[in-house]
Amino acid sequence: MHMNLEQIIRIAQGEIVTKELSTDVNIHGGCCADLMSDVLAYTRPHAVLITGLTNPQVVRTAQVADFRAIIFIRGKKPQSETIEIAVQENIPLISSPFGMFELSGKLHDAGLTSYETNDSN
């Protein structure tokens, strides 16, 4: 099931960090990771990335993986360089007060599909 990013933000009780970017974006699925190599190896495009990392590499990885948005957990806020890159790449950034496990459960319960794959089997 697809979800609009605005609906995801409501569920996540999120604060929009990149206010200049539109949040009227369709999200096809989601994944959670702090290892950016896992994002590149085991996910599909058009997803939202849920992560605890706030460095610029997160945005670069999301851009390469063709993700539509990034949610930072536990109220984390990215550094200014991360925000600047996200604006350039048109990737909305959101900060949520929830931890990764709880936020993932809330979004999955609301119908967001997991876009994590396990191709190692």
PDB file of N, CA and C in Angstrom:
ATOM      1  N   MET A   1       0.836  -1.182   0.000  1.00  0.00           N
ATOM      2  CA  MET A   1       0.000   0.000   0.000  1.00  0.00           C
ATOM      3  C   MET A   1       0.880   1.245   0.000  1.00  0.00           C
ATOM      4  N   HIS A   2       0.567   2.173  -0.857  1.00  0.00           N
ATOM      5  CA  HIS A   2       1.287   3.444  -0.892  1.00  0.00           C
ATOM      6  C   HIS A   2       0.706   4.386   0.154  1.00  0.00           C
ATOM      7  N   MET A   3       1.540   5.291   0.643  1.00  0.00           N
ATOM      8  CA  MET A   3       1.106   6.314   1.598  1.00  0.00           C
ATOM      9  C   MET A   3       1.678   7.644   1.174  1.00  0.00           C
ATOM     10  N   ASN A   4       0.960   8.683   1.481  1.00  0.00           N
ATOM     11  CA  ASN A   4       1.477  10.019   1.258  1.00  0.00           C
ATOM     12  C   ASN A   4       2.398  10.373   2.422  1.00  0.00           C
ATOM     13  N   LEU A   5       3.468  11.085   2.138  1.00  0.00           N
ATOM     14  CA  LEU A   5       4.418  11.460   3.178  1.00  0.00           C
ATOM     15  C   LEU A   5       3.745  12.257   4.289  1.00  0.00           C
ATOM     16  N   GLU A   6       2.759  13.059   3.964  1.00  0.00           N
ATOM     17  CA  GLU A   6       2.062  13.845   4.994  1.00  0.00           C
ATOM     18  C   GLU A   6       1.384  12.925   6.010  1.00  0.00           C
ATOM     19  N   GLN A   7       0.823  11.818   5.550  1.00  0.00           N
ATOM     20  CA  GLN A   7       0.217  10.840   6.448  1.00  0.00           C
ATOM     21  C   GLN A   7       1.289  10.181   7.316  1.00  0.00           C
ATOM     22  N   ILE A   8       2.418   9.868   6.722  1.00  0.00           N
ATOM     23  CA  ILE A   8       3.531   9.265   7.464  1.00  0.00           C
ATOM     24  C   ILE A   8       4.019  10.223   8.542  1.00  0.00           C
ATOM     25  N   ILE A   9       4.117  11.500   8.216  1.00  0.00           N
ATOM     26  CA  ILE A   9       4.567  12.504   9.182  1.00  0.00           C
ATOM     27  C   ILE A   9       3.606  12.566  10.367  1.00  0.00           C
ATOM     28  N   ARG A  10       2.309  12.502  10.103  1.00  0.00           N
ATOM     29  CA  ARG A  10       1.321  12.513  11.206  1.00  0.00           C
ATOM     30  C   ARG A  10       1.505  11.299  12.113  1.00  0.00           C
ATOM     31  N   ILE A  11       1.651  10.132  11.528  1.00  0.00           N
ATOM     32  CA  ILE A  11       1.836   8.901  12.308  1.00  0.00           C
ATOM     33  C   ILE A  11       3.128   8.982  13.122  1.00  0.00           C
ATOM     34  N   ALA A  12       4.170   9.525  12.519  1.00  0.00           N
ATOM     35  CA  ALA A  12       5.475   9.618  13.169  1.00  0.00           C
ATOM     36  C   ALA A  12       5.549  10.772  14.164  1.00  0.00           C
ATOM     37  N   GLN A  13       4.481  11.561  14.242  1.00  0.00           N
ATOM     38  CA  GLN A  13       4.501  12.787  15.053  1.00  0.00           C
ATOM     39  C   GLN A  13       5.747  13.590  14.701  1.00  0.00           C
ATOM     40  N   GLY A  14       5.993  13.664  13.406  1.00  0.00           N
ATOM     41  CA  GLY A  14       7.233  14.224  12.905  1.00  0.00           C
ATOM     42  C   GLY A  14       7.258  15.732  12.822  1.00  0.00           C
ATOM     43  N   GLU A  15       8.464  16.236  12.929  1.00  0.00           N
ATOM     44  CA  GLU A  15       8.743  17.651  12.710  1.00  0.00           C
ATOM     45  C   GLU A  15       9.495  17.751  11.382  1.00  0.00           C
ATOM     46  N   ILE A  16       8.985  18.559  10.475  1.00  0.00           N
ATOM     47  CA  ILE A  16       9.614  18.706   9.166  1.00  0.00           C
ATOM     48  C   ILE A  16      10.852  19.584   9.307  1.00  0.00           C
ATOM     49  N   VAL A  17      11.987  19.056   8.925  1.00  0.00           N
ATOM     50  CA  VAL A  17      13.256  19.782   9.028  1.00  0.00           C
ATOM     51  C   VAL A  17      13.489  20.628   7.775  1.00  0.00           C
ATOM     52  N   THR A  18      13.095  20.113   6.631  1.00  0.00           N
ATOM     53  CA  THR A  18      13.275  20.806   5.352  1.00  0.00           C
ATOM     54  C   THR A  18      11.955  21.443   4.945  1.00  0.00           C
ATOM     55  N   LYS A  19      11.588  22.507   5.619  1.00  0.00           N
ATOM     56  CA  LYS A  19      10.280  23.141   5.423  1.00  0.00           C
ATOM     57  C   LYS A  19      10.084  23.665   4.007  1.00  0.00           C
ATOM     58  N   GLU A  20      11.175  23.924   3.286  1.00  0.00           N
ATOM     59  CA  GLU A  20      11.061  24.453   1.930  1.00  0.00           C
ATOM     60  C   GLU A  20      10.704  23.391   0.899  1.00  0.00           C
ATOM     61  N   LEU A  21      10.730  22.132   1.276  1.00  0.00           N
ATOM     62  CA  LEU A  21      10.409  21.040   0.356  1.00  0.00           C
ATOM     63  C   LEU A  21       8.976  20.563   0.542  1.00  0.00           C
ATOM     64  N   SER A  22       8.372  20.144  -0.539  1.00  0.00           N
ATOM     65  CA  SER A  22       7.005  19.623  -0.486  1.00  0.00           C
ATOM     66  C   SER A  22       6.975  18.268   0.222  1.00  0.00           C
ATOM     67  N   THR A  23       5.946  18.083   1.030  1.00  0.00           N
ATOM     68  CA  THR A  23       5.732  16.783   1.665  1.00  0.00           C
ATOM     69  C   THR A  23       4.566  16.047   0.997  1.00  0.00           C
ATOM     70  N   ASP A  24       4.100  16.576  -0.117  1.00  0.00           N
ATOM     71  CA  ASP A  24       3.049  15.913  -0.884  1.00  0.00           C
ATOM     72  C   ASP A  24       3.726  14.924  -1.832  1.00  0.00           C
ATOM     73  N   VAL A  25       4.245  13.860  -1.241  1.00  0.00           N
ATOM     74  CA  VAL A  25       5.056  12.870  -1.945  1.00  0.00           C
ATOM     75  C   VAL A  25       4.473  11.493  -1.651  1.00  0.00           C
ATOM     76  N   ASN A  26       4.347  10.665  -2.673  1.00  0.00           N
ATOM     77  CA  ASN A  26       3.872   9.300  -2.461  1.00  0.00           C
ATOM     78  C   ASN A  26       5.040   8.393  -2.103  1.00  0.00           C
ATOM     79  N   ILE A  27       4.843   7.624  -1.047  1.00  0.00           N
ATOM     80  CA  ILE A  27       5.846   6.687  -0.546  1.00  0.00           C
ATOM     81  C   ILE A  27       5.311   5.277  -0.782  1.00  0.00           C
ATOM     82  N   HIS A  28       6.121   4.438  -1.388  1.00  0.00           N
ATOM     83  CA  HIS A  28       5.672   3.086  -1.731  1.00  0.00           C
ATOM     84  C   HIS A  28       6.008   2.050  -0.675  1.00  0.00           C
ATOM     85  N   GLY A  29       6.978   2.358   0.204  1.00  0.00           N
ATOM     86  CA  GLY A  29       7.384   1.413   1.230  1.00  0.00           C
ATOM     87  C   GLY A  29       8.373   2.067   2.173  1.00  0.00           C
ATOM     88  N   GLY A  30       8.868   1.292   3.116  1.00  0.00           N
ATOM     89  CA  GLY A  30       9.800   1.840   4.082  1.00  0.00           C
ATOM     90  C   GLY A  30      10.876   0.845   4.463  1.00  0.00           C
ATOM     91  N   CYS A  31      11.963   1.381   5.004  1.00  0.00           N
ATOM     92  CA  CYS A  31      13.014   0.535   5.549  1.00  0.00           C
ATOM     93  C   CYS A  31      13.725   1.276   6.666  1.00  0.00           C
ATOM     94  N   CYS A  32      14.372   0.500   7.524  1.00  0.00           N
ATOM     95  CA  CYS A  32      15.131   1.042   8.659  1.00  0.00           C
ATOM     96  C   CYS A  32      16.555   0.548   8.552  1.00  0.00           C
ATOM     97  N   ALA A  33      17.496   1.459   8.733  1.00  0.00           N
ATOM     98  CA  ALA A  33      18.902   1.038   8.713  1.00  0.00           C
ATOM     99  C   ALA A  33      19.782   2.150   9.243  1.00  0.00           C
ATOM    100  N   ASP A  34      20.871   1.737   9.883  1.00  0.00           N
ATOM    101  CA  ASP A  34      21.940   2.654  10.233  1.00  0.00           C
ATOM    102  C   ASP A  34      23.199   2.334   9.431  1.00  0.00           C
ATOM    103  N   LEU A  35      23.216   1.196   8.789  1.00  0.00           N
ATOM    104  CA  LEU A  35      24.318   0.849   7.895  1.00  0.00           C
ATOM    105  C   LEU A  35      23.900   1.202   6.475  1.00  0.00           C
ATOM    106  N   MET A  36      24.534   2.205   5.911  1.00  0.00           N
ATOM    107  CA  MET A  36      24.135   2.652   4.578  1.00  0.00           C
ATOM    108  C   MET A  36      24.419   1.598   3.520  1.00  0.00           C
ATOM    109  N   SER A  37      25.366   0.707   3.774  1.00  0.00           N
ATOM    110  CA  SER A  37      25.597  -0.396   2.839  1.00  0.00           C
ATOM    111  C   SER A  37      24.373  -1.314   2.781  1.00  0.00           C
ATOM    112  N   ASP A  38      23.675  -1.489   3.908  1.00  0.00           N
ATOM    113  CA  ASP A  38      22.442  -2.276   3.910  1.00  0.00           C
ATOM    114  C   ASP A  38      21.344  -1.592   3.096  1.00  0.00           C
ATOM    115  N   VAL A  39      21.278  -0.277   3.191  1.00  0.00           N
ATOM    116  CA  VAL A  39      20.279   0.468   2.413  1.00  0.00           C
ATOM    117  C   VAL A  39      20.494   0.198   0.927  1.00  0.00           C
ATOM    118  N   LEU A  40      21.733   0.259   0.497  1.00  0.00           N
ATOM    119  CA  LEU A  40      22.015   0.052  -0.924  1.00  0.00           C
ATOM    120  C   LEU A  40      21.835  -1.394  -1.356  1.00  0.00           C
ATOM    121  N   ALA A  41      22.085  -2.330  -0.453  1.00  0.00           N
ATOM    122  CA  ALA A  41      22.047  -3.745  -0.825  1.00  0.00           C
ATOM    123  C   ALA A  41      20.670  -4.381  -0.703  1.00  0.00           C
ATOM    124  N   TYR A  42      19.849  -3.912   0.236  1.00  0.00           N
ATOM    125  CA  TYR A  42      18.641  -4.671   0.573  1.00  0.00           C
ATOM    126  C   TYR A  42      17.330  -3.900   0.512  1.00  0.00           C
ATOM    127  N   THR A  43      17.292  -2.797  -0.210  1.00  0.00           N
ATOM    128  CA  THR A  43      16.043  -2.032  -0.268  1.00  0.00           C
ATOM    129  C   THR A  43      15.630  -1.755  -1.699  1.00  0.00           C
ATOM    130  N   ARG A  44      14.423  -1.226  -1.829  1.00  0.00           N
ATOM    131  CA  ARG A  44      13.886  -0.856  -3.137  1.00  0.00           C
ATOM    132  C   ARG A  44      13.601   0.643  -3.163  1.00  0.00           C
ATOM    133  N   PRO A  45      13.505   1.242  -4.349  1.00  0.00           N
ATOM    134  CA  PRO A  45      13.290   2.687  -4.457  1.00  0.00           C
ATOM    135  C   PRO A  45      11.885   3.124  -4.045  1.00  0.00           C
ATOM    136  N   HIS A  46      11.713   4.445  -3.983  1.00  0.00           N
ATOM    137  CA  HIS A  46      10.440   5.110  -3.671  1.00  0.00           C
ATOM    138  C   HIS A  46      10.003   4.865  -2.229  1.00  0.00           C
ATOM    139  N   ALA A  47      10.980   4.674  -1.352  1.00  0.00           N
ATOM    140  CA  ALA A  47      10.693   4.373   0.045  1.00  0.00           C
ATOM    141  C   ALA A  47      11.067   5.547   0.942  1.00  0.00           C
ATOM    142  N   VAL A  48      10.693   5.412   2.205  1.00  0.00           N
ATOM    143  CA  VAL A  48      11.155   6.314   3.253  1.00  0.00           C
ATOM    144  C   VAL A  48      12.202   5.555   4.057  1.00  0.00           C
ATOM    145  N   LEU A  49      13.287   6.234   4.373  1.00  0.00           N
ATOM    146  CA  LEU A  49      14.348   5.647   5.179  1.00  0.00           C
ATOM    147  C   LEU A  49      14.198   6.130   6.612  1.00  0.00           C
ATOM    148  N   ILE A  50      14.158   5.193   7.536  1.00  0.00           N
ATOM    149  CA  ILE A  50      14.114   5.507   8.972  1.00  0.00           C
ATOM    150  C   ILE A  50      15.492   5.176   9.528  1.00  0.00           C
ATOM    151  N   THR A  51      16.147   6.174  10.134  1.00  0.00           N
ATOM    152  CA  THR A  51      17.522   5.979  10.575  1.00  0.00           C
ATOM    153  C   THR A  51      17.853   6.849  11.778  1.00  0.00           C
ATOM    154  N   GLY A  52      18.892   6.451  12.481  1.00  0.00           N
ATOM    155  CA  GLY A  52      19.413   7.245  13.578  1.00  0.00           C
ATOM    156  C   GLY A  52      20.619   8.077  13.172  1.00  0.00           C
ATOM    157  N   LEU A  53      21.081   7.896  11.949  1.00  0.00           N
ATOM    158  CA  LEU A  53      22.239   8.647  11.458  1.00  0.00           C
ATOM    159  C   LEU A  53      21.787   9.977  10.865  1.00  0.00           C
ATOM    160  N   THR A  54      22.553  11.025  11.116  1.00  0.00           N
ATOM    161  CA  THR A  54      22.158  12.353  10.638  1.00  0.00           C
ATOM    162  C   THR A  54      23.222  13.014   9.764  1.00  0.00           C
ATOM    163  N   ASN A  55      24.224  12.273   9.349  1.00  0.00           N
ATOM    164  CA  ASN A  55      25.310  12.869   8.572  1.00  0.00           C
ATOM    165  C   ASN A  55      24.938  13.003   7.094  1.00  0.00           C
ATOM    166  N   PRO A  56      25.703  13.786   6.341  1.00  0.00           N
ATOM    167  CA  PRO A  56      25.397  13.995   4.919  1.00  0.00           C
ATOM    168  C   PRO A  56      25.364  12.712   4.096  1.00  0.00           C
ATOM    169  N   GLN A  57      26.123  11.693   4.501  1.00  0.00           N
ATOM    170  CA  GLN A  57      26.149  10.437   3.747  1.00  0.00           C
ATOM    171  C   GLN A  57      24.778   9.775   3.684  1.00  0.00           C
ATOM    172  N   VAL A  58      23.954  10.003   4.694  1.00  0.00           N
ATOM    173  CA  VAL A  58      22.597   9.436   4.700  1.00  0.00           C
ATOM    174  C   VAL A  58      21.798   9.970   3.512  1.00  0.00           C
ATOM    175  N   VAL A  59      21.901  11.262   3.262  1.00  0.00           N
ATOM    176  CA  VAL A  59      21.170  11.858   2.145  1.00  0.00           C
ATOM    177  C   VAL A  59      21.745  11.373   0.823  1.00  0.00           C
ATOM    178  N   ARG A  60      23.054  11.293   0.734  1.00  0.00           N
ATOM    179  CA  ARG A  60      23.677  10.796  -0.504  1.00  0.00           C
ATOM    180  C   ARG A  60      23.236   9.360  -0.790  1.00  0.00           C
ATOM    181  N   THR A  61      23.190   8.542   0.233  1.00  0.00           N
ATOM    182  CA  THR A  61      22.751   7.154   0.063  1.00  0.00           C
ATOM    183  C   THR A  61      21.291   7.101  -0.350  1.00  0.00           C
ATOM    184  N   ALA A  62      20.446   7.894   0.297  1.00  0.00           N
ATOM    185  CA  ALA A  62      19.025   7.934  -0.052  1.00  0.00           C
ATOM    186  C   ALA A  62      18.832   8.381  -1.500  1.00  0.00           C
ATOM    187  N   GLN A  63      19.650   9.310  -1.947  1.00  0.00           N
ATOM    188  CA  GLN A  63      19.559   9.793  -3.323  1.00  0.00           C
ATOM    189  C   GLN A  63      19.933   8.682  -4.300  1.00  0.00           C
ATOM    190  N   VAL A  64      21.009   7.973  -4.023  1.00  0.00           N
ATOM    191  CA  VAL A  64      21.446   6.880  -4.892  1.00  0.00           C
ATOM    192  C   VAL A  64      20.391   5.763  -4.915  1.00  0.00           C
ATOM    193  N   ALA A  65      19.787   5.492  -3.762  1.00  0.00           N
ATOM    194  CA  ALA A  65      18.780   4.423  -3.656  1.00  0.00           C
ATOM    195  C   ALA A  65      17.399   4.869  -4.138  1.00  0.00           C
ATOM    196  N   ASP A  66      17.275   6.117  -4.576  1.00  0.00           N
ATOM    197  CA  ASP A  66      16.014   6.687  -5.081  1.00  0.00           C
ATOM    198  C   ASP A  66      14.917   6.667  -4.020  1.00  0.00           C
ATOM    199  N   PHE A  67      15.291   7.073  -2.805  1.00  0.00           N
ATOM    200  CA  PHE A  67      14.323   7.199  -1.717  1.00  0.00           C
ATOM    201  C   PHE A  67      13.627   8.547  -1.806  1.00  0.00           C
ATOM    202  N   ARG A  68      12.459   8.633  -1.203  1.00  0.00           N
ATOM    203  CA  ARG A  68      11.643   9.840  -1.286  1.00  0.00           C
ATOM    204  C   ARG A  68      11.722  10.732  -0.056  1.00  0.00           C
ATOM    205  N   ALA A  69      12.158  10.181   1.100  1.00  0.00           N
ATOM    206  CA  ALA A  69      12.230  10.966   2.334  1.00  0.00           C
ATOM    207  C   ALA A  69      13.064  10.208   3.358  1.00  0.00           C
ATOM    208  N   ILE A  70      13.505  10.950   4.384  1.00  0.00           N
ATOM    209  CA  ILE A  70      14.272  10.358   5.485  1.00  0.00           C
ATOM    210  C   ILE A  70      13.640  10.810   6.794  1.00  0.00           C
ATOM    211  N   ILE A  71      13.444   9.850   7.705  1.00  0.00           N
ATOM    212  CA  ILE A  71      12.960  10.169   9.051  1.00  0.00           C
ATOM    213  C   ILE A  71      14.062   9.828  10.043  1.00  0.00           C
ATOM    214  N   PHE A  72      14.433  10.816  10.856  1.00  0.00           N
ATOM    215  CA  PHE A  72      15.416  10.613  11.912  1.00  0.00           C
ATOM    216  C   PHE A  72      14.675  10.270  13.196  1.00  0.00           C
ATOM    217  N   ILE A  73      15.143   9.256  13.884  1.00  0.00           N
ATOM    218  CA  ILE A  73      14.468   8.760  15.091  1.00  0.00           C
ATOM    219  C   ILE A  73      14.950   9.484  16.351  1.00  0.00           C
ATOM    220  N   ARG A  74      14.222   9.240  17.432  1.00  0.00           N
ATOM    221  CA  ARG A  74      14.556   9.749  18.770  1.00  0.00           C
ATOM    222  C   ARG A  74      14.790  11.260  18.799  1.00  0.00           C
ATOM    223  N   GLY A  75      14.068  11.994  17.932  1.00  0.00           N
ATOM    224  CA  GLY A  75      14.156  13.448  17.944  1.00  0.00           C
ATOM    225  C   GLY A  75      15.448  14.015  17.408  1.00  0.00           C
ATOM    226  N   LYS A  76      16.242  13.196  16.763  1.00  0.00           N
ATOM    227  CA  LYS A  76      17.527  13.682  16.242  1.00  0.00           C
ATOM    228  C   LYS A  76      17.304  14.709  15.140  1.00  0.00           C
ATOM    229  N   LYS A  77      18.238  15.679  15.087  1.00  0.00           N
ATOM    230  CA  LYS A  77      18.205  16.709  14.056  1.00  0.00           C
ATOM    231  C   LYS A  77      19.520  16.646  13.273  1.00  0.00           C
ATOM    232  N   PRO A  78      19.446  16.752  11.967  1.00  0.00           N
ATOM    233  CA  PRO A  78      20.668  16.686  11.160  1.00  0.00           C
ATOM    234  C   PRO A  78      21.449  17.991  11.211  1.00  0.00           C
ATOM    235  N   GLN A  79      22.720  17.873  10.875  1.00  0.00           N
ATOM    236  CA  GLN A  79      23.567  19.059  10.801  1.00  0.00           C
ATOM    237  C   GLN A  79      23.216  19.872   9.555  1.00  0.00           C
ATOM    238  N   SER A  80      23.646  21.110   9.514  1.00  0.00           N
ATOM    239  CA  SER A  80      23.272  22.021   8.426  1.00  0.00           C
ATOM    240  C   SER A  80      23.714  21.500   7.062  1.00  0.00           C
ATOM    241  N   GLU A  81      24.878  20.874   6.980  1.00  0.00           N
ATOM    242  CA  GLU A  81      25.334  20.333   5.695  1.00  0.00           C
ATOM    243  C   GLU A  81      24.379  19.256   5.180  1.00  0.00           C
ATOM    244  N   THR A  82      23.882  18.419   6.076  1.00  0.00           N
ATOM    245  CA  THR A  82      22.925  17.377   5.706  1.00  0.00           C
ATOM    246  C   THR A  82      21.645  18.007   5.165  1.00  0.00           C
ATOM    247  N   ILE A  83      21.170  19.046   5.814  1.00  0.00           N
ATOM    248  CA  ILE A  83      19.951  19.742   5.374  1.00  0.00           C
ATOM    249  C   ILE A  83      20.168  20.360   3.996  1.00  0.00           C
ATOM    250  N   GLU A  84      21.298  21.012   3.797  1.00  0.00           N
ATOM    251  CA  GLU A  84      21.594  21.649   2.508  1.00  0.00           C
ATOM    252  C   GLU A  84      21.589  20.630   1.369  1.00  0.00           C
ATOM    253  N   ILE A  85      22.206  19.486   1.577  1.00  0.00           N
ATOM    254  CA  ILE A  85      22.241  18.448   0.543  1.00  0.00           C
ATOM    255  C   ILE A  85      20.838  17.915   0.283  1.00  0.00           C
ATOM    256  N   ALA A  86      20.061  17.723   1.342  1.00  0.00           N
ATOM    257  CA  ALA A  86      18.691  17.220   1.185  1.00  0.00           C
ATOM    258  C   ALA A  86      17.849  18.183   0.360  1.00  0.00           C
ATOM    259  N   VAL A  87      17.998  19.464   0.600  1.00  0.00           N
ATOM    260  CA  VAL A  87      17.250  20.464  -0.178  1.00  0.00           C
ATOM    261  C   VAL A  87      17.691  20.408  -1.640  1.00  0.00           C
ATOM    262  N   GLN A  88      18.987  20.324  -1.881  1.00  0.00           N
ATOM    263  CA  GLN A  88      19.496  20.228  -3.261  1.00  0.00           C
ATOM    264  C   GLN A  88      18.950  18.994  -3.973  1.00  0.00           C
ATOM    265  N   GLU A  89      18.853  17.891  -3.246  1.00  0.00           N
ATOM    266  CA  GLU A  89      18.415  16.619  -3.836  1.00  0.00           C
ATOM    267  C   GLU A  89      16.899  16.415  -3.743  1.00  0.00           C
ATOM    268  N   ASN A  90      16.194  17.376  -3.152  1.00  0.00           N
ATOM    269  CA  ASN A  90      14.731  17.317  -3.005  1.00  0.00           C
ATOM    270  C   ASN A  90      14.291  16.078  -2.212  1.00  0.00           C
ATOM    271  N   ILE A  91      14.959  15.843  -1.088  1.00  0.00           N
ATOM    272  CA  ILE A  91      14.621  14.725  -0.205  1.00  0.00           C
ATOM    273  C   ILE A  91      14.196  15.306   1.138  1.00  0.00           C
ATOM    274  N   PRO A  92      12.900  15.298   1.436  1.00  0.00           N
ATOM    275  CA  PRO A  92      12.428  15.841   2.719  1.00  0.00           C
ATOM    276  C   PRO A  92      13.026  15.099   3.910  1.00  0.00           C
ATOM    277  N   LEU A  93      13.364  15.865   4.941  1.00  0.00           N
ATOM    278  CA  LEU A  93      13.883  15.316   6.186  1.00  0.00           C
ATOM    279  C   LEU A  93      12.882  15.572   7.295  1.00  0.00           C
ATOM    280  N   ILE A  94      12.637  14.552   8.115  1.00  0.00           N
ATOM    281  CA  ILE A  94      11.676  14.628   9.208  1.00  0.00           C
ATOM    282  C   ILE A  94      12.350  14.096  10.469  1.00  0.00           C
ATOM    283  N   SER A  95      12.048  14.702  11.597  1.00  0.00           N
ATOM    284  CA  SER A  95      12.527  14.224  12.894  1.00  0.00           C
ATOM    285  C   SER A  95      11.336  13.702  13.678  1.00  0.00           C
ATOM    286  N   SER A  96      11.439  12.467  14.163  1.00  0.00           N
ATOM    287  CA  SER A  96      10.365  11.839  14.934  1.00  0.00           C
ATOM    288  C   SER A  96      10.851  11.542  16.354  1.00  0.00           C
ATOM    289  N   PRO A  97       9.968  11.698  17.344  1.00  0.00           N
ATOM    290  CA  PRO A  97      10.378  11.399  18.718  1.00  0.00           C
ATOM    291  C   PRO A  97      10.485   9.907  19.020  1.00  0.00           C
ATOM    292  N   PHE A  98       9.953   9.058  18.157  1.00  0.00           N
ATOM    293  CA  PHE A  98       9.926   7.623  18.411  1.00  0.00           C
ATOM    294  C   PHE A  98      11.274   6.969  18.118  1.00  0.00           C
ATOM    295  N   GLY A  99      11.502   5.826  18.753  1.00  0.00           N
ATOM    296  CA  GLY A  99      12.644   4.995  18.416  1.00  0.00           C
ATOM    297  C   GLY A  99      12.357   4.228  17.142  1.00  0.00           C
ATOM    298  N   MET A 100      13.375   3.590  16.602  1.00  0.00           N
ATOM    299  CA  MET A 100      13.249   2.904  15.316  1.00  0.00           C
ATOM    300  C   MET A 100      12.228   1.767  15.355  1.00  0.00           C
ATOM    301  N   PHE A 101      12.257   0.964  16.405  1.00  0.00           N
ATOM    302  CA  PHE A 101      11.352  -0.174  16.513  1.00  0.00           C
ATOM    303  C   PHE A 101       9.897   0.289  16.585  1.00  0.00           C
ATOM    304  N   GLU A 102       9.634   1.252  17.460  1.00  0.00           N
ATOM    305  CA  GLU A 102       8.265   1.720  17.640  1.00  0.00           C
ATOM    306  C   GLU A 102       7.742   2.406  16.378  1.00  0.00           C
ATOM    307  N   LEU A 103       8.543   3.254  15.771  1.00  0.00           N
ATOM    308  CA  LEU A 103       8.099   3.958  14.568  1.00  0.00           C
ATOM    309  C   LEU A 103       7.838   2.981  13.428  1.00  0.00           C
ATOM    310  N   SER A 104       8.703   2.012  13.269  1.00  0.00           N
ATOM    311  CA  SER A 104       8.504   1.007  12.223  1.00  0.00           C
ATOM    312  C   SER A 104       7.182   0.267  12.426  1.00  0.00           C
ATOM    313  N   GLY A 105       6.910  -0.113  13.669  1.00  0.00           N
ATOM    314  CA  GLY A 105       5.663  -0.810  13.970  1.00  0.00           C
ATOM    315  C   GLY A 105       4.448   0.046  13.670  1.00  0.00           C
ATOM    316  N   LYS A 106       4.502   1.314  14.047  1.00  0.00           N
ATOM    317  CA  LYS A 106       3.379   2.221  13.791  1.00  0.00           C
ATOM    318  C   LYS A 106       3.111   2.355  12.291  1.00  0.00           C
ATOM    319  N   LEU A 107       4.161   2.534  11.514  1.00  0.00           N
ATOM    320  CA  LEU A 107       3.986   2.702  10.072  1.00  0.00           C
ATOM    321  C   LEU A 107       3.529   1.405   9.409  1.00  0.00           C
ATOM    322  N   HIS A 108       4.077   0.291   9.850  1.00  0.00           N
ATOM    323  CA  HIS A 108       3.665  -0.998   9.286  1.00  0.00           C
ATOM    324  C   HIS A 108       2.205  -1.289   9.636  1.00  0.00           C
ATOM    325  N   ASP A 109       1.823  -1.017  10.885  1.00  0.00           N
ATOM    326  CA  ASP A 109       0.424  -1.217  11.301  1.00  0.00           C
ATOM    327  C   ASP A 109      -0.531  -0.339  10.504  1.00  0.00           C
ATOM    328  N   ALA A 110      -0.059   0.838  10.088  1.00  0.00           N
ATOM    329  CA  ALA A 110      -0.892   1.755   9.306  1.00  0.00           C
ATOM    330  C   ALA A 110      -0.963   1.354   7.838  1.00  0.00           C
ATOM    331  N   GLY A 111      -0.179   0.335   7.461  1.00  0.00           N
ATOM    332  CA  GLY A 111      -0.275  -0.188   6.106  1.00  0.00           C
ATOM    333  C   GLY A 111       0.922   0.064   5.214  1.00  0.00           C
ATOM    334  N   LEU A 112       1.977   0.697   5.719  1.00  0.00           N
ATOM    335  CA  LEU A 112       3.155   0.922   4.892  1.00  0.00           C
ATOM    336  C   LEU A 112       3.905  -0.401   4.707  1.00  0.00           C
ATOM    337  N   THR A 113       4.215  -0.724   3.491  1.00  0.00           N
ATOM    338  CA  THR A 113       4.875  -1.964   3.134  1.00  0.00           C
ATOM    339  C   THR A 113       6.363  -1.919   3.470  1.00  0.00           C
ATOM    340  N   SER A 114       6.904  -3.034   3.926  1.00  0.00           N
ATOM    341  CA  SER A 114       8.341  -3.135   4.130  1.00  0.00           C
ATOM    342  C   SER A 114       9.020  -3.231   2.768  1.00  0.00           C
ATOM    343  N   TYR A 115      10.010  -2.396   2.569  1.00  0.00           N
ATOM    344  CA  TYR A 115      10.799  -2.448   1.324  1.00  0.00           C
ATOM    345  C   TYR A 115      12.183  -2.999   1.591  1.00  0.00           C
ATOM    346  N   GLU A 116      12.326  -3.725   2.677  1.00  0.00           N
ATOM    347  CA  GLU A 116      13.584  -4.396   2.947  1.00  0.00           C
ATOM    348  C   GLU A 116      13.500  -5.785   2.351  1.00  0.00           C
ATOM    349  N   THR A 117      14.552  -6.192   1.682  1.00  0.00           N
ATOM    350  CA  THR A 117      14.586  -7.530   1.096  1.00  0.00           C
ATOM    351  C   THR A 117      15.731  -8.296   1.731  1.00  0.00           C
ATOM    352  N   ASN A 118      15.680  -9.579   1.600  1.00  0.00           N
ATOM    353  CA  ASN A 118      16.765 -10.417   2.098  1.00  0.00           C
ATOM    354  C   ASN A 118      17.181 -11.330   0.961  1.00  0.00           C
ATOM    355  N   ASP A 119      18.026 -10.786   0.110  1.00  0.00           N
ATOM    356  CA  ASP A 119      18.462 -11.545  -1.066  1.00  0.00           C
ATOM    357  C   ASP A 119      19.585 -12.528  -0.771  1.00  0.00           C
ATOM    358  N   SER A 120      19.973 -12.606   0.494  1.00  0.00           N
ATOM    359  CA  SER A 120      21.075 -13.512   0.823  1.00  0.00           C
ATOM    360  C   SER A 120      20.609 -14.956   0.958  1.00  0.00           C
ATOM    361  N   ASN A 121      19.310 -15.195   1.002  1.00  0.00           N
ATOM    362  CA  ASN A 121      18.784 -16.570   1.114  1.00  0.00           C
ATOM    363  C   ASN A 121      18.547 -17.176  -0.235  1.00  0.00           C
TER     364      ASN A 121
END
